[in-house]
Protein backbone atom coordinates (compact mmCIF):
# COMPACT_ATOMS: atom_id res chain seq x y z
CA MET A 1 -10.26 6.87 -3.43
CA ALA A 2 -8.09 4.33 -1.81
CA TYR A 3 -5.19 2.16 -3.20
CA LYS A 4 -5.35 -1.71 -3.00
CA ILE A 5 -2.45 -4.39 -3.19
CA ILE A 6 -3.13 -7.25 -5.70
CA ALA A 7 -2.50 -10.06 -3.36
CA SER A 8 -1.37 -12.39 -6.37
CA GLN A 9 1.33 -10.00 -7.03
CA CYS A 10 2.42 -9.29 -3.57
CA SER A 11 5.69 -10.68 -2.54
CA GLY A 12 5.31 -10.07 1.11
CA CYS A 13 8.34 -7.81 1.43
CA SER A 14 6.76 -5.73 3.91
CA ALA A 15 8.38 -2.35 2.28
CA CYS A 16 5.08 -0.65 2.02
CA GLU A 17 4.03 -1.07 5.70
CA PRO A 18 6.21 1.20 7.63
CA GLU A 19 5.76 4.00 4.82
CA CYS A 20 2.05 4.46 5.27
CA PRO A 21 1.57 7.72 7.34
CA ASN A 22 -2.08 6.45 7.86
CA ASP A 23 -1.10 2.95 9.17
CA ALA A 24 -3.48 1.75 6.66
CA ILE A 25 -1.36 -1.38 5.70
CA ARG A 26 -1.27 -4.64 7.43
CA GLU A 27 -0.05 -8.10 6.74
CA LYS A 28 -2.88 -10.70 6.23
CA GLY A 29 -2.03 -14.37 5.01
CA GLY A 30 1.49 -13.78 3.87
CA THR A 31 0.66 -10.52 1.74
CA PHE A 32 -0.15 -7.33 2.69
CA ILE A 33 -3.67 -5.41 2.29
CA ILE A 34 -4.89 -1.76 2.42
CA ASN A 35 -7.65 -0.59 4.57
CA PRO A 36 -9.53 1.61 2.24
CA ASP A 37 -11.15 3.36 5.08
CA LYS A 38 -7.71 4.68 6.43
CA CYS A 39 -6.10 5.18 3.02
CA THR A 40 -5.93 8.83 1.69
CA GLU A 41 -3.36 8.32 -1.24
CA CYS A 42 -1.00 10.17 1.02
CA GLU A 43 -2.57 13.43 0.46
CA GLY A 44 -1.50 15.96 2.97
CA HIS A 45 1.82 14.19 3.76
CA PHE A 46 3.36 13.31 0.51
CA ASP A 47 3.06 14.30 -3.04
CA THR A 48 2.91 10.77 -4.27
CA PRO A 49 1.54 7.33 -2.47
CA GLN A 50 4.61 5.98 -0.61
CA CYS A 51 3.36 2.31 -0.89
CA VAL A 52 3.56 2.54 -4.63
CA ALA A 53 6.93 4.39 -4.45
CA VAL A 54 8.69 1.80 -2.37
CA CYS A 55 6.98 -1.23 -3.88
CA PRO A 56 9.44 -3.45 -5.72
CA VAL A 57 6.66 -5.18 -7.82
CA ASP A 58 5.49 -3.09 -10.83
CA GLY A 59 1.83 -2.84 -10.85
CA CYS A 60 1.27 -4.49 -7.70
CA ILE A 61 -0.50 -1.53 -5.91
CA LYS A 62 -3.30 0.22 -7.73
CA LYS A 63 -5.98 2.46 -7.29
CA ALA A 64 -9.05 0.80 -6.18
């Protein structure tokens, strides 16, 4: 299962984009989105999803 960025909560800070080991995050319309086909929840790379770990907005990134 992939993660999803809640667009209405995304501040557009871009902290998540460079942390994704799968290049699943990109900017779209001033906020960021996660490509569910590329998101692996960082399995095989990290113990926890890095986008969630670095996001400054609590609850902005959730499991889809």
